[in-house]
């Protein structure tokens, strides 16, 4: 939903025409994927980073539009809520030191943004959920005033027909209702894009799905929402519930939520994921590109088409690992890792990306052995356990016997899989020194048993002994900003609870 749309309201005729386009583009995509040179492009890694904007007291600052005007950099874009901003990073060739280049760009761009923001008394905070958020920050009054956001919000709410209900368990359970989708904007992430050889896509995608729980546990940085200590990755629950437009009737069959882990292992072709999205989810937006009105006459043997409607439809479905079609050159499919939170620091985020990519590529060659003994619903359960309990989670994994998955501590699985992640990075051409360095950040976090989520929860508990909840959250955010600006890994941050 980062692209502008030409209309903000749609008729039944619009939706009918849009659905016809989706059907035609599915046929076209299937033919395009069968072309012998599809995906014959240099492999790259890229990312998008969503950030919070806060005032000098650590509270949300409704300032993305003036900052965007002042910074005048097209790599920065608005987000759903006015207190968020997105940085679209460049894509870098996989071979060599792409993670160092990503981190250098994050530091350069964020330093420039912080310089501009300081003039507005605004601070930049990379964090999965801002601890100082209050219910009044999650209303339509704080939405960025762009037509695509208002259109999406209106259509989702129309299909929902009643307020969105948020129920999240945890140390301090939370139950809230919101009349719009702005609660979704509370989630900020570091979305990593990985191109693979097209012949390897299925195996890498399945491996990414299987190992996402490991990344989620070690990367957790979203443990406090509206002052409540909840899941280590509360984003996972909040995102799913804040965009759930299904009926509350427990006695009727319903489609899966639009925010989901997936419906099963990828079988023969990535095309299945696009076909499934069209078959299962009705369109929310029906914006038709004028250049795409005659798709039935397009030939994928010639210049590839952008498939505007199909890509728009995929952008209104939010799996935690999403296939992304790109029509440039010979075209390619890439994997968008969507579950990694923003923060705590650039080095932590890039280390998370390296771990995720290393696991997906390192396990790809042997993925069939794992899929044979780990049903998809086991992997899905692993994901939610990791999001909820972080490094304390136990997951289904064939750790003690390769044919018999049992519930085992996730920290033991992560420890065993680190060498496989390192092998995966070596395999795709990452310099040994680069791979070893960024995975050492993961090893250090595992050894200290400290993630951003753990640091936030434990620090807040100390501050709450002397301060009210609101003031404790405020002090937590200001301390977080100070530590974040050190650019040191979260495992080395001051631990006030020790």
Foldseek 3Di string as FASTA:
>chain_A
DQDAFDDLDDDPVLLVLLLVLLVLVLVQVVQLLPDPCFLVDQWWKWKKFKKFKAAPLQHGDLAQVVLCVVLVDVQKDDDFFSRMIMGTTDIDGLAEFRLVVRLVVVVVVQVSSQVSVVVVRMDIAFFFAQQLDAPVSQAPVGTDPDSVSVSLFVLLLVLLVAWQWAWFDAPFTDTDTYSTLSLLVRGIFIKMKTFDRQVLVQLLLLLLLLCVLLLLQLQQGHQHDNLDGFASQCSLRSNQRSRASDDPDPPDDAFDTLEEQDDFRDDDHPSVVLVCLSVGDRASDSRDDPVSSPSNPDDSVPQFDQSVSSQVSQVSRHHQWGWDWDRPDSTGIIIIRRRRGTDDASLSSSLSVLQSQLSSQLCSVVSVLFCVQQGSVQSRVSNVQCRGYRQQGWGFDCPPHSNGTDTDGSLVVSVVCLVSSLVRSVVSNYDNVSSVVSSVLSVLCSVLVDHNSNQLVQQLVVLVVPDPSSSSSSVSSSLSSVQRVVNDRPSPDDRPND
